[in-house]
Amino acid sequence: MAVVTLNGQLGGAAREVGQEVARKIGADYVDRLLLAEAAKRVGATVSALAEKEHEHLSLANRLTRLVQTAFERSAYTGSGGDPFFGPGVDALLMRPYPEGDEEQMATSSKEVDDNRFFQVISDMIKDLAEEGNVIIMGRGSNLVLKNFPEVLHVGVVAPVEFRIETTMQRDGTSREEAEKYIADEERSRISFFKKHFKAHPDDPILYHMMVNPGTLGIETSANVIVQALGINP
């Protein structure tokens, strides 16, 4: 029951590598988009999930249950006082590093407590790891789980040109837009790590291994990780 965290720079293909590793070893892949979707589903599915307590949960239901549990545990609320549908919950889950941008942080602080939100994310990451068989993307998951045994932490790096091209193709943006997006998100990512972990996200000592899809390619990068897990797909 492998658990792998992947953290890397925007456009570095960490998402694609993580999805390929998950496919090869038959694990679930979880990133911010799936968590945001789970947040939207929480209120409508709590009763149904309770009835299926002893059944095998699909990934969607598994994530919804974890969002529900984490929100309850931390009493996370929005400005409207609703613990599940407070304004901006799914939007904040969707942002790679919502606390990173100073302007966004000032706006968000009117509605949510940054530290409490971070605790919600950390709780969900820990719960996912405890259940096992999952590839967890981003959110400083390597440091959230630094004391968890038998979790492989992978850093993903790539040349700037590769990251720009990947972002342009993935998001359908111009080169100028891709460059700005990468620069903005990189500032946010660094700020997020410094604020919550007092660390720089690209410090190799924070990872068990590093891969570079820009030179290795996605397939080979995924194979290297699978080999490190000692799994024969």
C-alpha atoms as a PDB file:
ATOM      1  CA  MET A   1       0.000   0.000   0.000  1.00  0.00           C
ATOM      2  CA  ALA A   2       2.330   2.721  -1.284  1.00  0.00           C
ATOM      3  CA  VAL A   3       2.125   6.382  -0.294  1.00  0.00           C
ATOM      4  CA  VAL A   4       3.992   8.911  -2.427  1.00  0.00           C
ATOM      5  CA  THR A   5       4.100  12.704  -2.204  1.00  0.00           C
ATOM      6  CA  LEU A   6       5.094  14.833  -5.180  1.00  0.00           C
ATOM      7  CA  ASN A   7       5.905  18.520  -4.924  1.00  0.00           C
ATOM      8  CA  GLY A   8       7.335  20.687  -7.652  1.00  0.00           C
ATOM      9  CA  GLN A   9       7.282  23.879  -9.637  1.00  0.00           C
ATOM     10  CA  LEU A  10       4.332  24.900 -11.784  1.00  0.00           C
ATOM     11  CA  GLY A  11       4.592  23.426 -15.261  1.00  0.00           C
ATOM     12  CA  GLY A  12       7.164  20.849 -14.233  1.00  0.00           C
ATOM     13  CA  ALA A  13       4.787  17.972 -15.063  1.00  0.00           C
ATOM     14  CA  ALA A  14       4.552  16.747 -11.459  1.00  0.00           C
ATOM     15  CA  ARG A  15       0.826  16.198 -12.033  1.00  0.00           C
ATOM     16  CA  GLU A  16       1.379  14.068 -15.107  1.00  0.00           C
ATOM     17  CA  VAL A  17       4.145  12.066 -13.424  1.00  0.00           C
ATOM     18  CA  GLY A  18       1.961  11.487 -10.361  1.00  0.00           C
ATOM     19  CA  GLN A  19      -0.971  10.323 -12.451  1.00  0.00           C
ATOM     20  CA  GLU A  20       1.294   7.925 -14.362  1.00  0.00           C
ATOM     21  CA  VAL A  21       2.734   6.487 -11.139  1.00  0.00           C
ATOM     22  CA  ALA A  22      -0.796   6.013  -9.796  1.00  0.00           C
ATOM     23  CA  ARG A  23      -1.811   4.207 -12.986  1.00  0.00           C
ATOM     24  CA  LYS A  24       1.211   1.935 -12.908  1.00  0.00           C
ATOM     25  CA  ILE A  25       0.789   0.784  -9.297  1.00  0.00           C
ATOM     26  CA  GLY A  26      -3.010   0.949  -9.061  1.00  0.00           C
ATOM     27  CA  ALA A  27      -3.105   3.754  -6.488  1.00  0.00           C
ATOM     28  CA  ASP A  28      -5.404   6.757  -6.096  1.00  0.00           C
ATOM     29  CA  TYR A  29      -4.111  10.123  -7.290  1.00  0.00           C
ATOM     30  CA  VAL A  30      -5.143  13.188  -5.283  1.00  0.00           C
ATOM     31  CA  ASP A  31      -4.532  16.846  -6.035  1.00  0.00           C
ATOM     32  CA  ARG A  32      -6.190  20.166  -5.184  1.00  0.00           C
ATOM     33  CA  LEU A  33      -8.782  19.861  -7.960  1.00  0.00           C
ATOM     34  CA  LEU A  34     -10.107  16.588  -6.560  1.00  0.00           C
ATOM     35  CA  LEU A  35     -10.172  17.996  -3.029  1.00  0.00           C
ATOM     36  CA  ALA A  36     -12.103  21.043  -4.236  1.00  0.00           C
ATOM     37  CA  GLU A  37     -14.637  18.815  -5.962  1.00  0.00           C
ATOM     38  CA  ALA A  38     -14.970  16.769  -2.792  1.00  0.00           C
ATOM     39  CA  ALA A  39     -15.664  19.941  -0.811  1.00  0.00           C
ATOM     40  CA  LYS A  40     -18.570  20.731  -3.121  1.00  0.00           C
ATOM     41  CA  ARG A  41     -20.028  17.260  -2.517  1.00  0.00           C
ATOM     42  CA  VAL A  42     -19.753  17.176   1.271  1.00  0.00           C
ATOM     43  CA  GLY A  43     -23.216  18.306   2.344  1.00  0.00           C
ATOM     44  CA  ALA A  44     -25.084  16.161  -0.145  1.00  0.00           C
ATOM     45  CA  THR A  45     -23.227  12.958   0.573  1.00  0.00           C
ATOM     46  CA  VAL A  46     -22.687  12.774   4.340  1.00  0.00           C
ATOM     47  CA  SER A  47     -25.712  10.569   4.997  1.00  0.00           C
ATOM     48  CA  ALA A  48     -25.004   8.345   2.026  1.00  0.00           C
ATOM     49  CA  LEU A  49     -21.430   7.873   3.167  1.00  0.00           C
ATOM     50  CA  ALA A  50     -22.525   6.959   6.671  1.00  0.00           C
ATOM     51  CA  GLU A  51     -24.660   4.171   5.217  1.00  0.00           C
ATOM     52  CA  LYS A  52     -21.704   2.893   3.203  1.00  0.00           C
ATOM     53  CA  GLU A  53     -19.361   2.955   6.179  1.00  0.00           C
ATOM     54  CA  HIS A  54     -18.318  -0.652   5.764  1.00  0.00           C
ATOM     55  CA  GLU A  55     -18.356  -0.742   1.984  1.00  0.00           C
ATOM     56  CA  HIS A  56     -15.501  -0.078  -0.390  1.00  0.00           C
ATOM     57  CA  LEU A  57     -15.460   3.649  -1.112  1.00  0.00           C
ATOM     58  CA  SER A  58     -14.804   5.081  -4.534  1.00  0.00           C
ATOM     59  CA  LEU A  59     -12.091   7.739  -4.668  1.00  0.00           C
ATOM     60  CA  ALA A  60     -14.739  10.478  -4.922  1.00  0.00           C
ATOM     61  CA  ASN A  61     -16.551   9.248  -1.817  1.00  0.00           C
ATOM     62  CA  ARG A  62     -13.287   8.629  -0.003  1.00  0.00           C
ATOM     63  CA  LEU A  63     -12.219  12.241  -0.551  1.00  0.00           C
ATOM     64  CA  THR A  64     -15.635  13.583   0.396  1.00  0.00           C
ATOM     65  CA  ARG A  65     -15.507  11.664   3.655  1.00  0.00           C
ATOM     66  CA  LEU A  66     -12.019  13.007   4.408  1.00  0.00           C
ATOM     67  CA  VAL A  67     -13.093  16.595   3.707  1.00  0.00           C
ATOM     68  CA  GLN A  68     -16.082  16.086   5.990  1.00  0.00           C
ATOM     69  CA  THR A  69     -13.946  14.647   8.783  1.00  0.00           C
ATOM     70  CA  ALA A  70     -11.272  17.340   8.514  1.00  0.00           C
ATOM     71  CA  PHE A  71     -13.814  20.176   8.502  1.00  0.00           C
ATOM     72  CA  GLU A  72     -15.569  18.773  11.569  1.00  0.00           C
ATOM     73  CA  ARG A  73     -12.313  18.151  13.420  1.00  0.00           C
ATOM     74  CA  SER A  74     -11.078  21.708  12.954  1.00  0.00           C
ATOM     75  CA  ALA A  75     -14.470  23.451  13.087  1.00  0.00           C
ATOM     76  CA  TYR A  76     -13.574  25.168   9.830  1.00  0.00           C
ATOM     77  CA  THR A  77     -16.074  27.868   8.901  1.00  0.00           C
ATOM     78  CA  GLY A  78     -16.532  30.607   6.354  1.00  0.00           C
ATOM     79  CA  SER A  79     -17.796  34.082   7.135  1.00  0.00           C
ATOM     80  CA  GLY A  80     -21.346  32.827   6.770  1.00  0.00           C
ATOM     81  CA  GLY A  81     -20.848  30.416   9.641  1.00  0.00           C
ATOM     82  CA  ASP A  82     -21.545  27.297   7.588  1.00  0.00           C
ATOM     83  CA  PRO A  83     -18.880  24.662   8.333  1.00  0.00           C
ATOM     84  CA  PHE A  84     -19.180  23.106   4.885  1.00  0.00           C
ATOM     85  CA  PHE A  85     -20.263  25.776   2.457  1.00  0.00           C
ATOM     86  CA  GLY A  86     -18.589  28.877   3.804  1.00  0.00           C
ATOM     87  CA  PRO A  87     -17.741  31.297   1.000  1.00  0.00           C
ATOM     88  CA  GLY A  88     -14.686  30.397  -0.956  1.00  0.00           C
ATOM     89  CA  VAL A  89     -13.988  26.974   0.579  1.00  0.00           C
ATOM     90  CA  ASP A  90     -13.832  25.100  -2.707  1.00  0.00           C
ATOM     91  CA  ALA A  91     -12.077  28.056  -4.356  1.00  0.00           C
ATOM     92  CA  LEU A  92      -9.395  28.078  -1.674  1.00  0.00           C
ATOM     93  CA  LEU A  93      -8.954  24.321  -1.926  1.00  0.00           C
ATOM     94  CA  MET A  94      -8.458  24.802  -5.629  1.00  0.00           C
ATOM     95  CA  ARG A  95      -5.646  27.342  -5.300  1.00  0.00           C
ATOM     96  CA  PRO A  96      -2.202  25.709  -5.248  1.00  0.00           C
ATOM     97  CA  TYR A  97      -0.999  27.829  -2.327  1.00  0.00           C
ATOM     98  CA  PRO A  98      -3.853  30.098  -1.146  1.00  0.00           C
ATOM     99  CA  GLU A  99      -1.900  31.629   1.717  1.00  0.00           C
ATOM    100  CA  GLY A 100       1.086  32.533  -0.428  1.00  0.00           C
ATOM    101  CA  ASP A 101       0.047  35.668  -2.259  1.00  0.00           C
ATOM    102  CA  GLU A 102       0.023  38.634   0.111  1.00  0.00           C
ATOM    103  CA  GLU A 103      -2.825  40.424  -1.606  1.00  0.00           C
ATOM    104  CA  GLN A 104      -4.957  37.287  -1.713  1.00  0.00           C
ATOM    105  CA  MET A 105      -4.076  36.511   1.884  1.00  0.00           C
ATOM    106  CA  ALA A 106      -5.312  39.919   3.017  1.00  0.00           C
ATOM    107  CA  THR A 107      -8.612  39.366   1.230  1.00  0.00           C
ATOM    108  CA  SER A 108      -9.047  35.790   2.386  1.00  0.00           C
ATOM    109  CA  SER A 109      -8.297  36.611   6.007  1.00  0.00           C
ATOM    110  CA  LYS A 110     -11.620  38.418   6.204  1.00  0.00           C
ATOM    111  CA  GLU A 111     -13.402  35.135   5.594  1.00  0.00           C
ATOM    112  CA  VAL A 112     -11.182  32.373   6.893  1.00  0.00           C
ATOM    113  CA  ASP A 113      -8.376  31.775   9.320  1.00  0.00           C
ATOM    114  CA  ASP A 114      -5.318  30.840   7.252  1.00  0.00           C
ATOM    115  CA  ASN A 115      -3.836  28.639   9.923  1.00  0.00           C
ATOM    116  CA  ARG A 116      -7.101  26.781  10.423  1.00  0.00           C
ATOM    117  CA  PHE A 117      -7.428  26.272   6.689  1.00  0.00           C
ATOM    118  CA  PHE A 118      -3.885  24.923   6.598  1.00  0.00           C
ATOM    119  CA  GLN A 119      -4.798  22.538   9.415  1.00  0.00           C
ATOM    120  CA  VAL A 120      -7.754  21.247   7.400  1.00  0.00           C
ATOM    121  CA  ILE A 121      -5.477  20.520   4.440  1.00  0.00           C
ATOM    122  CA  SER A 122      -2.894  18.873   6.690  1.00  0.00           C
ATOM    123  CA  ASP A 123      -5.538  16.685   8.334  1.00  0.00           C
ATOM    124  CA  MET A 124      -6.772  15.467   4.973  1.00  0.00           C
ATOM    125  CA  ILE A 125      -3.238  14.681   3.799  1.00  0.00           C
ATOM    126  CA  LYS A 126      -2.533  12.700   6.980  1.00  0.00           C
ATOM    127  CA  ASP A 127      -5.805  10.793   6.723  1.00  0.00           C
ATOM    128  CA  LEU A 128      -5.063   9.907   3.103  1.00  0.00           C
ATOM    129  CA  ALA A 129      -1.619   8.636   4.080  1.00  0.00           C
ATOM    130  CA  GLU A 130      -2.992   6.548   6.923  1.00  0.00           C
ATOM    131  CA  GLU A 131      -5.380   4.803   4.542  1.00  0.00           C
ATOM    132  CA  GLY A 132      -2.549   4.218   2.074  1.00  0.00           C
ATOM    133  CA  ASN A 133      -2.348   3.400  -1.629  1.00  0.00           C
ATOM    134  CA  VAL A 134      -2.321   7.034  -2.699  1.00  0.00           C
ATOM    135  CA  ILE A 135      -0.239   9.540  -4.644  1.00  0.00           C
ATOM    136  CA  ILE A 136      -0.569  12.990  -3.034  1.00  0.00           C
ATOM    137  CA  MET A 137       0.248  16.045  -5.109  1.00  0.00           C
ATOM    138  CA  GLY A 138       1.480  19.353  -3.666  1.00  0.00           C
ATOM    139  CA  ARG A 139       0.406  21.310  -0.567  1.00  0.00           C
ATOM    140  CA  GLY A 140       3.741  20.680   1.141  1.00  0.00           C
ATOM    141  CA  SER A 141       2.612  17.101   1.642  1.00  0.00           C
ATOM    142  CA  ASN A 142       6.215  15.945   2.015  1.00  0.00           C
ATOM    143  CA  LEU A 143       6.599  18.081   5.151  1.00  0.00           C
ATOM    144  CA  VAL A 144       3.117  17.384   6.496  1.00  0.00           C
ATOM    145  CA  LEU A 145       4.044  13.691   6.340  1.00  0.00           C
ATOM    146  CA  LYS A 146       7.725  14.001   7.197  1.00  0.00           C
ATOM    147  CA  ASN A 147       7.336  11.821  10.299  1.00  0.00           C
ATOM    148  CA  PHE A 148       5.139   9.201   8.624  1.00  0.00           C
ATOM    149  CA  PRO A 149       7.020   5.947   8.031  1.00  0.00           C
ATOM    150  CA  GLU A 150       7.236   4.347   4.597  1.00  0.00           C
ATOM    151  CA  VAL A 151       6.140   7.432   2.647  1.00  0.00           C
ATOM    152  CA  LEU A 152       8.256   8.257  -0.410  1.00  0.00           C
ATOM    153  CA  HIS A 153       8.768  11.992  -0.910  1.00  0.00           C
ATOM    154  CA  VAL A 154       9.585  13.030  -4.462  1.00  0.00           C
ATOM    155  CA  GLY A 155      10.635  16.476  -5.622  1.00  0.00           C
ATOM    156  CA  VAL A 156       9.938  17.370  -9.253  1.00  0.00           C
ATOM    157  CA  VAL A 157      12.108  19.895 -11.091  1.00  0.00           C
ATOM    158  CA  ALA A 158      12.352  20.924 -14.733  1.00  0.00           C
ATOM    159  CA  PRO A 159      14.017  23.595 -16.905  1.00  0.00           C
ATOM    160  CA  VAL A 160      12.164  26.900 -17.163  1.00  0.00           C
ATOM    161  CA  GLU A 161      11.574  26.506 -20.903  1.00  0.00           C
ATOM    162  CA  PHE A 162       9.971  23.106 -20.364  1.00  0.00           C
ATOM    163  CA  ARG A 163       7.718  24.566 -17.660  1.00  0.00           C
ATOM    164  CA  ILE A 164       6.651  27.435 -19.904  1.00  0.00           C
ATOM    165  CA  GLU A 165       5.831  25.112 -22.811  1.00  0.00           C
ATOM    166  CA  THR A 166       3.931  22.711 -20.535  1.00  0.00           C
ATOM    167  CA  THR A 167       1.873  25.560 -19.055  1.00  0.00           C
ATOM    168  CA  MET A 168       1.090  27.014 -22.472  1.00  0.00           C
ATOM    169  CA  GLN A 169      -0.114  23.645 -23.767  1.00  0.00           C
ATOM    170  CA  ARG A 170      -2.010  22.669 -20.631  1.00  0.00           C
ATOM    171  CA  ASP A 171      -3.814  25.984 -20.098  1.00  0.00           C
ATOM    172  CA  GLY A 172      -3.990  27.266 -23.664  1.00  0.00           C
ATOM    173  CA  THR A 173      -2.218  30.506 -22.732  1.00  0.00           C
ATOM    174  CA  SER A 174       0.262  32.736 -24.492  1.00  0.00           C
ATOM    175  CA  ARG A 175       3.941  32.628 -23.627  1.00  0.00           C
ATOM    176  CA  GLU A 176       3.700  35.936 -21.783  1.00  0.00           C
ATOM    177  CA  GLU A 177       0.728  34.708 -19.736  1.00  0.00           C
ATOM    178  CA  ALA A 178       2.465  31.426 -18.941  1.00  0.00           C
ATOM    179  CA  GLU A 179       5.619  33.200 -17.780  1.00  0.00           C
ATOM    180  CA  LYS A 180       3.626  35.494 -15.499  1.00  0.00           C
ATOM    181  CA  TYR A 181       1.539  32.625 -14.114  1.00  0.00           C
ATOM    182  CA  ILE A 182       4.666  30.611 -13.338  1.00  0.00           C
ATOM    183  CA  ALA A 183       6.387  33.570 -11.659  1.00  0.00           C
ATOM    184  CA  ASP A 184       3.308  34.418  -9.550  1.00  0.00           C
ATOM    185  CA  GLU A 185       2.720  30.854  -8.425  1.00  0.00           C
ATOM    186  CA  GLU A 186       6.396  30.343  -7.643  1.00  0.00           C
ATOM    187  CA  ARG A 187       6.341  33.347  -5.308  1.00  0.00           C
ATOM    188  CA  SER A 188       3.229  31.961  -3.645  1.00  0.00           C
ATOM    189  CA  ARG A 189       4.722  28.475  -3.325  1.00  0.00           C
ATOM    190  CA  ILE A 190       7.885  29.771  -1.688  1.00  0.00           C
ATOM    191  CA  SER A 191       5.875  32.005   0.653  1.00  0.00           C
ATOM    192  CA  PHE A 192       3.604  29.092   1.607  1.00  0.00           C
ATOM    193  CA  PHE A 193       6.541  26.842   2.524  1.00  0.00           C
ATOM    194  CA  LYS A 194       8.301  29.601   4.451  1.00  0.00           C
ATOM    195  CA  LYS A 195       5.182  30.515   6.388  1.00  0.00           C
ATOM    196  CA  HIS A 196       4.085  27.013   7.392  1.00  0.00           C
ATOM    197  CA  PHE A 197       7.322  25.012   7.342  1.00  0.00           C
ATOM    198  CA  LYS A 198      10.143  27.565   7.625  1.00  0.00           C
ATOM    199  CA  ALA A 199      11.688  25.879   4.588  1.00  0.00           C
ATOM    200  CA  HIS A 200      12.322  26.443   0.877  1.00  0.00           C
ATOM    201  CA  PRO A 201      10.311  24.068  -1.347  1.00  0.00           C
ATOM    202  CA  ASP A 202      13.248  23.324  -3.648  1.00  0.00           C
ATOM    203  CA  ASP A 203      15.648  22.258  -0.907  1.00  0.00           C
ATOM    204  CA  PRO A 204      16.605  18.690  -1.978  1.00  0.00           C
ATOM    205  CA  ILE A 205      17.102  17.591   1.620  1.00  0.00           C
ATOM    206  CA  LEU A 206      13.302  17.712   2.035  1.00  0.00           C
ATOM    207  CA  TYR A 207      12.887  14.812  -0.401  1.00  0.00           C
ATOM    208  CA  HIS A 208      14.015  11.230  -0.696  1.00  0.00           C
ATOM    209  CA  MET A 209      14.624  11.669  -4.419  1.00  0.00           C
ATOM    210  CA  MET A 210      14.285  14.183  -7.247  1.00  0.00           C
ATOM    211  CA  VAL A 211      13.128  13.605 -10.840  1.00  0.00           C
ATOM    212  CA  ASN A 212      13.336  15.885 -13.839  1.00  0.00           C
ATOM    213  CA  PRO A 213      10.591  15.198 -16.422  1.00  0.00           C
ATOM    214  CA  GLY A 214      12.108  17.900 -18.608  1.00  0.00           C
ATOM    215  CA  THR A 215      15.063  15.630 -19.350  1.00  0.00           C
ATOM    216  CA  LEU A 216      13.798  12.174 -18.392  1.00  0.00           C
ATOM    217  CA  GLY A 217      10.273  12.509 -19.759  1.00  0.00           C
ATOM    218  CA  ILE A 218       7.088  11.643 -17.899  1.00  0.00           C
ATOM    219  CA  GLU A 219       7.178   7.894 -18.519  1.00  0.00           C
ATOM    220  CA  THR A 220      10.770   7.420 -17.368  1.00  0.00           C
ATOM    221  CA  SER A 221      10.276   9.707 -14.363  1.00  0.00           C
ATOM    222  CA  ALA A 222       7.292   7.601 -13.317  1.00  0.00           C
ATOM    223  CA  ASN A 223       9.262   4.388 -13.814  1.00  0.00           C
ATOM    224  CA  VAL A 224      12.087   5.667 -11.598  1.00  0.00           C
ATOM    225  CA  ILE A 225       9.593   6.365  -8.798  1.00  0.00           C
ATOM    226  CA  VAL A 226       7.943   2.970  -9.172  1.00  0.00           C
ATOM    227  CA  GLN A 227      11.354   1.302  -9.002  1.00  0.00           C
ATOM    228  CA  ALA A 228      12.165   3.259  -5.845  1.00  0.00           C
ATOM    229  CA  LEU A 229       8.983   1.860  -4.313  1.00  0.00           C
ATOM    230  CA  GLY A 230      10.153  -1.659  -5.091  1.00  0.00           C
ATOM    231  CA  ILE A 231       6.915  -2.451  -6.906  1.00  0.00           C
ATOM    232  CA  ASN A 232       6.662  -4.522 -10.069  1.00  0.00           C
ATOM    233  CA  PRO A 233       3.714  -3.000 -11.992  1.00  0.00           C
END
